[in-house]
Amino acid sequence: MKKSVNNTKPSEPDDLEVPEFNFEGAIQNPFFVAYRKGVTRTVIKSDGTKEQFIRLDPDVAKHYRSAVSVNEVLRHALQNRQR
């Protein structure tokens, strides 16, 4: 006599299912206005060093691929300005 094996798993929640959120009554981030004005952000790393971030306007940012290229152009402009 063979035993029948039940291969069905208990129903598990679908990990890919995205829950719905209700944003009614949400408030705007208080830093949003300052961010849009181009305020510099300073980040203090765990080793105590500081790093600054400056937001570029989209029309300027589209001309550069990385922070390295932006810094190269700015350094060149500063050298010319000091002459």
PDB file of N, CA and C in Angstrom:
ATOM      1  N   MET A   1       0.825  -1.165   0.000  1.00  0.00           N
ATOM      2  CA  MET A   1       0.000   0.000   0.000  1.00  0.00           C
ATOM      3  C   MET A   1       0.878   1.239   0.000  1.00  0.00           C
ATOM      4  N   LYS A   2       0.668   2.174  -0.987  1.00  0.00           N
ATOM      5  CA  LYS A   2       1.435   3.409  -1.096  1.00  0.00           C
ATOM      6  C   LYS A   2       0.730   4.519  -0.347  1.00  0.00           C
ATOM      7  N   LYS A   3       1.548   5.327   0.285  1.00  0.00           N
ATOM      8  CA  LYS A   3       0.995   6.499   0.935  1.00  0.00           C
ATOM      9  C   LYS A   3       0.968   7.646  -0.064  1.00  0.00           C
ATOM     10  N   SER A   4      -0.074   8.413  -0.033  1.00  0.00           N
ATOM     11  CA  SER A   4      -0.106   9.586  -0.907  1.00  0.00           C
ATOM     12  C   SER A   4       0.617  10.733  -0.199  1.00  0.00           C
ATOM     13  N   VAL A   5       1.407  11.462  -0.975  1.00  0.00           N
ATOM     14  CA  VAL A   5       2.174  12.579  -0.429  1.00  0.00           C
ATOM     15  C   VAL A   5       1.509  13.873  -0.860  1.00  0.00           C
ATOM     16  N   ASN A   6       1.288  14.735   0.081  1.00  0.00           N
ATOM     17  CA  ASN A   6       0.684  16.025  -0.218  1.00  0.00           C
ATOM     18  C   ASN A   6       1.820  17.013  -0.503  1.00  0.00           C
ATOM     19  N   ASN A   7       1.985  17.390  -1.784  1.00  0.00           N
ATOM     20  CA  ASN A   7       3.064  18.284  -2.192  1.00  0.00           C
ATOM     21  C   ASN A   7       2.679  19.756  -2.141  1.00  0.00           C
ATOM     22  N   THR A   8       1.523  20.059  -1.686  1.00  0.00           N
ATOM     23  CA  THR A   8       1.125  21.461  -1.655  1.00  0.00           C
ATOM     24  C   THR A   8       1.713  22.138  -0.422  1.00  0.00           C
ATOM     25  N   LYS A   9       2.210  23.347  -0.628  1.00  0.00           N
ATOM     26  CA  LYS A   9       2.783  24.125   0.461  1.00  0.00           C
ATOM     27  C   LYS A   9       1.692  25.018   1.035  1.00  0.00           C
ATOM     28  N   PRO A  10       1.809  25.341   2.280  1.00  0.00           N
ATOM     29  CA  PRO A  10       0.856  26.292   2.828  1.00  0.00           C
ATOM     30  C   PRO A  10       1.014  27.634   2.111  1.00  0.00           C
ATOM     31  N   SER A  11      -0.072  28.359   1.979  1.00  0.00           N
ATOM     32  CA  SER A  11       0.009  29.616   1.240  1.00  0.00           C
ATOM     33  C   SER A  11       0.945  30.586   1.947  1.00  0.00           C
ATOM     34  N   GLU A  12       1.884  31.145   1.170  1.00  0.00           N
ATOM     35  CA  GLU A  12       2.858  32.098   1.687  1.00  0.00           C
ATOM     36  C   GLU A  12       2.587  33.453   1.048  1.00  0.00           C
ATOM     37  N   PRO A  13       2.887  34.522   1.753  1.00  0.00           N
ATOM     38  CA  PRO A  13       2.675  35.835   1.143  1.00  0.00           C
ATOM     39  C   PRO A  13       3.616  36.024  -0.045  1.00  0.00           C
ATOM     40  N   ASP A  14       3.147  36.729  -1.041  1.00  0.00           N
ATOM     41  CA  ASP A  14       3.940  36.988  -2.233  1.00  0.00           C
ATOM     42  C   ASP A  14       4.917  38.121  -1.928  1.00  0.00           C
ATOM     43  N   ASP A  15       6.221  37.816  -1.973  1.00  0.00           N
ATOM     44  CA  ASP A  15       7.239  38.818  -1.660  1.00  0.00           C
ATOM     45  C   ASP A  15       7.278  39.942  -2.684  1.00  0.00           C
ATOM     46  N   LEU A  16       6.793  39.691  -3.885  1.00  0.00           N
ATOM     47  CA  LEU A  16       6.839  40.701  -4.934  1.00  0.00           C
ATOM     48  C   LEU A  16       5.627  41.623  -4.906  1.00  0.00           C
ATOM     49  N   GLU A  17       4.679  41.316  -4.084  1.00  0.00           N
ATOM     50  CA  GLU A  17       3.482  42.139  -4.018  1.00  0.00           C
ATOM     51  C   GLU A  17       3.798  43.433  -3.281  1.00  0.00           C
ATOM     52  N   VAL A  18       3.448  44.569  -3.901  1.00  0.00           N
ATOM     53  CA  VAL A  18       3.723  45.872  -3.304  1.00  0.00           C
ATOM     54  C   VAL A  18       2.477  46.342  -2.563  1.00  0.00           C
ATOM     55  N   PRO A  19       2.633  46.685  -1.303  1.00  0.00           N
ATOM     56  CA  PRO A  19       1.466  47.141  -0.554  1.00  0.00           C
ATOM     57  C   PRO A  19       1.043  48.528  -1.034  1.00  0.00           C
ATOM     58  N   GLU A  20      -0.203  48.847  -0.850  1.00  0.00           N
ATOM     59  CA  GLU A  20      -0.695  50.174  -1.203  1.00  0.00           C
ATOM     60  C   GLU A  20      -0.476  51.095  -0.016  1.00  0.00           C
ATOM     61  N   PHE A  21      -0.104  52.328  -0.319  1.00  0.00           N
ATOM     62  CA  PHE A  21       0.125  53.316   0.719  1.00  0.00           C
ATOM     63  C   PHE A  21      -0.885  54.431   0.592  1.00  0.00           C
ATOM     64  N   ASN A  22      -1.302  54.957   1.704  1.00  0.00           N
ATOM     65  CA  ASN A  22      -2.229  56.075   1.726  1.00  0.00           C
ATOM     66  C   ASN A  22      -1.444  57.305   2.153  1.00  0.00           C
ATOM     67  N   PHE A  23      -1.229  58.250   1.223  1.00  0.00           N
ATOM     68  CA  PHE A  23      -0.472  59.457   1.521  1.00  0.00           C
ATOM     69  C   PHE A  23      -1.375  60.625   1.907  1.00  0.00           C
ATOM     70  N   GLU A  24      -2.624  60.341   2.160  1.00  0.00           N
ATOM     71  CA  GLU A  24      -3.555  61.385   2.565  1.00  0.00           C
ATOM     72  C   GLU A  24      -3.089  61.955   3.906  1.00  0.00           C
ATOM     73  N   GLY A  25      -2.979  63.249   3.982  1.00  0.00           N
ATOM     74  CA  GLY A  25      -2.537  63.888   5.212  1.00  0.00           C
ATOM     75  C   GLY A  25      -1.026  63.974   5.342  1.00  0.00           C
ATOM     76  N   ALA A  26      -0.275  63.522   4.330  1.00  0.00           N
ATOM     77  CA  ALA A  26       1.179  63.595   4.391  1.00  0.00           C
ATOM     78  C   ALA A  26       1.623  65.054   4.258  1.00  0.00           C
ATOM     79  N   ILE A  27       2.769  65.361   4.846  1.00  0.00           N
ATOM     80  CA  ILE A  27       3.299  66.716   4.727  1.00  0.00           C
ATOM     81  C   ILE A  27       4.555  66.696   3.865  1.00  0.00           C
ATOM     82  N   GLN A  28       4.850  67.820   3.239  1.00  0.00           N
ATOM     83  CA  GLN A  28       6.021  67.934   2.382  1.00  0.00           C
ATOM     84  C   GLN A  28       7.287  67.951   3.240  1.00  0.00           C
ATOM     85  N   ASN A  29       8.348  67.373   2.715  1.00  0.00           N
ATOM     86  CA  ASN A  29       9.630  67.367   3.396  1.00  0.00           C
ATOM     87  C   ASN A  29      10.055  68.812   3.655  1.00  0.00           C
ATOM     88  N   PRO A  30      10.353  69.173   4.906  1.00  0.00           N
ATOM     89  CA  PRO A  30      10.701  70.567   5.206  1.00  0.00           C
ATOM     90  C   PRO A  30      12.001  71.026   4.552  1.00  0.00           C
ATOM     91  N   PHE A  31      12.845  70.108   4.106  1.00  0.00           N
ATOM     92  CA  PHE A  31      14.114  70.473   3.483  1.00  0.00           C
ATOM     93  C   PHE A  31      13.994  70.614   1.973  1.00  0.00           C
ATOM     94  N   PHE A  32      12.833  70.308   1.411  1.00  0.00           N
ATOM     95  CA  PHE A  32      12.651  70.313  -0.036  1.00  0.00           C
ATOM     96  C   PHE A  32      12.920  71.692  -0.632  1.00  0.00           C
ATOM     97  N   VAL A  33      12.365  72.734  -0.049  1.00  0.00           N
ATOM     98  CA  VAL A  33      12.531  74.080  -0.592  1.00  0.00           C
ATOM     99  C   VAL A  33      13.998  74.485  -0.576  1.00  0.00           C
ATOM    100  N   ALA A  34      14.676  74.232   0.534  1.00  0.00           N
ATOM    101  CA  ALA A  34      16.099  74.567   0.628  1.00  0.00           C
ATOM    102  C   ALA A  34      16.907  73.768  -0.385  1.00  0.00           C
ATOM    103  N   TYR A  35      16.578  72.509  -0.585  1.00  0.00           N
ATOM    104  CA  TYR A  35      17.285  71.656  -1.546  1.00  0.00           C
ATOM    105  C   TYR A  35      17.145  72.214  -2.949  1.00  0.00           C
ATOM    106  N   ARG A  36      15.938  72.640  -3.304  1.00  0.00           N
ATOM    107  CA  ARG A  36      15.692  73.177  -4.640  1.00  0.00           C
ATOM    108  C   ARG A  36      16.437  74.488  -4.871  1.00  0.00           C
ATOM    109  N   LYS A  37      16.766  75.210  -3.794  1.00  0.00           N
ATOM    110  CA  LYS A  37      17.509  76.460  -3.921  1.00  0.00           C
ATOM    111  C   LYS A  37      18.993  76.196  -4.142  1.00  0.00           C
ATOM    112  N   GLY A  38      19.437  74.965  -3.977  1.00  0.00           N
ATOM    113  CA  GLY A  38      20.832  74.627  -4.221  1.00  0.00           C
ATOM    114  C   GLY A  38      21.711  74.712  -2.993  1.00  0.00           C
ATOM    115  N   VAL A  39      21.166  74.462  -1.849  1.00  0.00           N
ATOM    116  CA  VAL A  39      21.926  74.511  -0.609  1.00  0.00           C
ATOM    117  C   VAL A  39      22.969  73.395  -0.602  1.00  0.00           C
ATOM    118  N   THR A  40      24.140  73.707  -0.088  1.00  0.00           N
ATOM    119  CA  THR A  40      25.202  72.721   0.044  1.00  0.00           C
ATOM    120  C   THR A  40      24.900  71.802   1.212  1.00  0.00           C
ATOM    121  N   ARG A  41      25.142  70.512   1.037  1.00  0.00           N
ATOM    122  CA  ARG A  41      24.955  69.529   2.102  1.00  0.00           C
ATOM    123  C   ARG A  41      26.324  69.020   2.534  1.00  0.00           C
ATOM    124  N   THR A  42      26.547  68.987   3.813  1.00  0.00           N
ATOM    125  CA  THR A  42      27.788  68.443   4.347  1.00  0.00           C
ATOM    126  C   THR A  42      27.469  67.138   5.057  1.00  0.00           C
ATOM    127  N   VAL A  43      28.199  66.090   4.695  1.00  0.00           N
ATOM    128  CA  VAL A  43      28.027  64.778   5.300  1.00  0.00           C
ATOM    129  C   VAL A  43      29.259  64.484   6.129  1.00  0.00           C
ATOM    130  N   ILE A  44      29.057  64.132   7.385  1.00  0.00           N
ATOM    131  CA  ILE A  44      30.175  63.752   8.251  1.00  0.00           C
ATOM    132  C   ILE A  44      30.230  62.231   8.271  1.00  0.00           C
ATOM    133  N   LYS A  45      31.320  61.710   7.776  1.00  0.00           N
ATOM    134  CA  LYS A  45      31.486  60.256   7.678  1.00  0.00           C
ATOM    135  C   LYS A  45      31.836  59.666   9.032  1.00  0.00           C
ATOM    136  N   SER A  46      31.773  58.344   9.121  1.00  0.00           N
ATOM    137  CA  SER A  46      32.044  57.651  10.385  1.00  0.00           C
ATOM    138  C   SER A  46      33.477  57.862  10.863  1.00  0.00           C
ATOM    139  N   ASP A  47      34.407  58.154   9.941  1.00  0.00           N
ATOM    140  CA  ASP A  47      35.795  58.406  10.355  1.00  0.00           C
ATOM    141  C   ASP A  47      36.041  59.861  10.737  1.00  0.00           C
ATOM    142  N   GLY A  48      34.976  60.693  10.707  1.00  0.00           N
ATOM    143  CA  GLY A  48      35.089  62.089  11.129  1.00  0.00           C
ATOM    144  C   GLY A  48      35.358  63.065  10.003  1.00  0.00           C
ATOM    145  N   THR A  49      35.690  62.565   8.810  1.00  0.00           N
ATOM    146  CA  THR A  49      35.937  63.462   7.684  1.00  0.00           C
ATOM    147  C   THR A  49      34.615  64.002   7.152  1.00  0.00           C
ATOM    148  N   LYS A  50      34.701  65.160   6.508  1.00  0.00           N
ATOM    149  CA  LYS A  50      33.506  65.796   5.962  1.00  0.00           C
ATOM    150  C   LYS A  50      33.548  65.772   4.443  1.00  0.00           C
ATOM    151  N   GLU A  51      32.387  65.627   3.854  1.00  0.00           N
ATOM    152  CA  GLU A  51      32.258  65.634   2.400  1.00  0.00           C
ATOM    153  C   GLU A  51      31.088  66.528   2.051  1.00  0.00           C
ATOM    154  N   GLN A  52      31.286  67.425   1.087  1.00  0.00           N
ATOM    155  CA  GLN A  52      30.226  68.351   0.706  1.00  0.00           C
ATOM    156  C   GLN A  52      29.613  67.944  -0.628  1.00  0.00           C
ATOM    157  N   PHE A  53      28.304  68.153  -0.727  1.00  0.00           N
ATOM    158  CA  PHE A  53      27.572  67.871  -1.942  1.00  0.00           C
ATOM    159  C   PHE A  53      26.854  69.140  -2.373  1.00  0.00           C
ATOM    160  N   ILE A  54      26.959  69.465  -3.649  1.00  0.00           N
ATOM    161  CA  ILE A  54      26.288  70.634  -4.202  1.00  0.00           C
ATOM    162  C   ILE A  54      25.402  70.151  -5.336  1.00  0.00           C
ATOM    163  N   ARG A  55      24.163  70.595  -5.323  1.00  0.00           N
ATOM    164  CA  ARG A  55      23.202  70.191  -6.349  1.00  0.00           C
ATOM    165  C   ARG A  55      23.396  71.046  -7.598  1.00  0.00           C
ATOM    166  N   LEU A  56      23.559  70.387  -8.738  1.00  0.00           N
ATOM    167  CA  LEU A  56      23.627  71.087 -10.016  1.00  0.00           C
ATOM    168  C   LEU A  56      22.236  71.157 -10.607  1.00  0.00           C
ATOM    169  N   ASP A  57      21.932  72.264 -11.270  1.00  0.00           N
ATOM    170  CA  ASP A  57      20.657  72.355 -11.983  1.00  0.00           C
ATOM    171  C   ASP A  57      20.664  71.346 -13.121  1.00  0.00           C
ATOM    172  N   PRO A  58      19.500  70.791 -13.462  1.00  0.00           N
ATOM    173  CA  PRO A  58      19.436  69.750 -14.488  1.00  0.00           C
ATOM    174  C   PRO A  58      20.050  70.155 -15.827  1.00  0.00           C
ATOM    175  N   ASP A  59      19.883  71.415 -16.243  1.00  0.00           N
ATOM    176  CA  ASP A  59      20.434  71.834 -17.539  1.00  0.00           C
ATOM    177  C   ASP A  59      21.962  71.843 -17.534  1.00  0.00           C
ATOM    178  N   VAL A  60      22.580  72.028 -16.374  1.00  0.00           N
ATOM    179  CA  VAL A  60      24.036  71.987 -16.260  1.00  0.00           C
ATOM    180  C   VAL A  60      24.493  70.535 -16.106  1.00  0.00           C
ATOM    181  N   ALA A  61      23.814  69.783 -15.252  1.00  0.00           N
ATOM    182  CA  ALA A  61      24.208  68.400 -14.958  1.00  0.00           C
ATOM    183  C   ALA A  61      24.198  67.510 -16.190  1.00  0.00           C
ATOM    184  N   LYS A  62      23.332  67.800 -17.147  1.00  0.00           N
ATOM    185  CA  LYS A  62      23.249  66.918 -18.329  1.00  0.00           C
ATOM    186  C   LYS A  62      24.509  66.946 -19.186  1.00  0.00           C
ATOM    187  N   HIS A  63      25.388  67.920 -18.945  1.00  0.00           N
ATOM    188  CA  HIS A  63      26.620  68.033 -19.726  1.00  0.00           C
ATOM    189  C   HIS A  63      27.793  67.277 -19.106  1.00  0.00           C
ATOM    190  N   TYR A  64      27.596  66.693 -17.931  1.00  0.00           N
ATOM    191  CA  TYR A  64      28.679  66.015 -17.228  1.00  0.00           C
ATOM    192  C   TYR A  64      28.291  64.589 -16.880  1.00  0.00           C
ATOM    193  N   ARG A  65      29.284  63.710 -16.944  1.00  0.00           N
ATOM    194  CA  ARG A  65      29.028  62.302 -16.649  1.00  0.00           C
ATOM    195  C   ARG A  65      29.304  61.956 -15.192  1.00  0.00           C
ATOM    196  N   SER A  66      30.141  62.753 -14.531  1.00  0.00           N
ATOM    197  CA  SER A  66      30.523  62.397 -13.160  1.00  0.00           C
ATOM    198  C   SER A  66      30.984  63.633 -12.404  1.00  0.00           C
ATOM    199  N   ALA A  67      31.149  63.464 -11.101  1.00  0.00           N
ATOM    200  CA  ALA A  67      31.676  64.538 -10.260  1.00  0.00           C
ATOM    201  C   ALA A  67      33.111  64.861 -10.655  1.00  0.00           C
ATOM    202  N   VAL A  68      33.840  63.864 -11.121  1.00  0.00           N
ATOM    203  CA  VAL A  68      35.229  64.078 -11.533  1.00  0.00           C
ATOM    204  C   VAL A  68      35.286  65.083 -12.684  1.00  0.00           C
ATOM    205  N   SER A  69      34.431  64.927 -13.675  1.00  0.00           N
ATOM    206  CA  SER A  69      34.446  65.840 -14.815  1.00  0.00           C
ATOM    207  C   SER A  69      34.018  67.253 -14.417  1.00  0.00           C
ATOM    208  N   VAL A  70      33.057  67.368 -13.516  1.00  0.00           N
ATOM    209  CA  VAL A  70      32.642  68.687 -13.025  1.00  0.00           C
ATOM    210  C   VAL A  70      33.800  69.346 -12.295  1.00  0.00           C
ATOM    211  N   ASN A  71      34.480  68.605 -11.439  1.00  0.00           N
ATOM    212  CA  ASN A  71      35.608  69.159 -10.693  1.00  0.00           C
ATOM    213  C   ASN A  71      36.747  69.592 -11.609  1.00  0.00           C
ATOM    214  N   GLU A  72      37.019  68.835 -12.670  1.00  0.00           N
ATOM    215  CA  GLU A  72      38.073  69.215 -13.622  1.00  0.00           C
ATOM    216  C   GLU A  72      37.754  70.559 -14.266  1.00  0.00           C
ATOM    217  N   VAL A  73      36.519  70.744 -14.707  1.00  0.00           N
ATOM    218  CA  VAL A  73      36.113  71.999 -15.342  1.00  0.00           C
ATOM    219  C   VAL A  73      36.199  73.155 -14.351  1.00  0.00           C
ATOM    220  N   LEU A  74      35.735  72.933 -13.134  1.00  0.00           N
ATOM    221  CA  LEU A  74      35.771  73.992 -12.129  1.00  0.00           C
ATOM    222  C   LEU A  74      37.201  74.367 -11.750  1.00  0.00           C
ATOM    223  N   ARG A  75      38.089  73.382 -11.628  1.00  0.00           N
ATOM    224  CA  ARG A  75      39.488  73.677 -11.318  1.00  0.00           C
ATOM    225  C   ARG A  75      40.132  74.496 -12.431  1.00  0.00           C
ATOM    226  N   HIS A  76      39.831  74.129 -13.662  1.00  0.00           N
ATOM    227  CA  HIS A  76      40.347  74.868 -14.815  1.00  0.00           C
ATOM    228  C   HIS A  76      39.838  76.312 -14.789  1.00  0.00           C
ATOM    229  N   ALA A  77      38.557  76.499 -14.497  1.00  0.00           N
ATOM    230  CA  ALA A  77      37.970  77.842 -14.432  1.00  0.00           C
ATOM    231  C   ALA A  77      38.622  78.653 -13.308  1.00  0.00           C
ATOM    232  N   LEU A  78      38.883  78.024 -12.161  1.00  0.00           N
ATOM    233  CA  LEU A  78      39.537  78.718 -11.053  1.00  0.00           C
ATOM    234  C   LEU A  78      40.958  79.134 -11.386  1.00  0.00           C
ATOM    235  N   GLN A  79      41.690  78.276 -12.091  1.00  0.00           N
ATOM    236  CA  GLN A  79      43.055  78.624 -12.502  1.00  0.00           C
ATOM    237  C   GLN A  79      43.048  79.828 -13.435  1.00  0.00           C
ATOM    238  N   ASN A  80      42.121  79.841 -14.380  1.00  0.00           N
ATOM    239  CA  ASN A  80      42.027  80.963 -15.321  1.00  0.00           C
ATOM    240  C   ASN A  80      41.609  82.248 -14.615  1.00  0.00           C
ATOM    241  N   ARG A  81      40.778  82.120 -13.616  1.00  0.00           N
ATOM    242  CA  ARG A  81      40.285  83.278 -12.868  1.00  0.00           C
ATOM    243  C   ARG A  81      41.402  83.914 -12.029  1.00  0.00           C
ATOM    244  N   GLN A  82      42.314  83.085 -11.539  1.00  0.00           N
ATOM    245  CA  GLN A  82      43.383  83.585 -10.687  1.00  0.00           C
ATOM    246  C   GLN A  82      44.485  84.287 -11.477  1.00  0.00           C
ATOM    247  N   ARG A  83      44.520  84.109 -12.787  1.00  0.00           N
ATOM    248  CA  ARG A  83      45.578  84.726 -13.617  1.00  0.00           C
ATOM    249  C   ARG A  83      45.349  86.171 -13.827  1.00  0.00           C
TER     250      ARG A  83
END
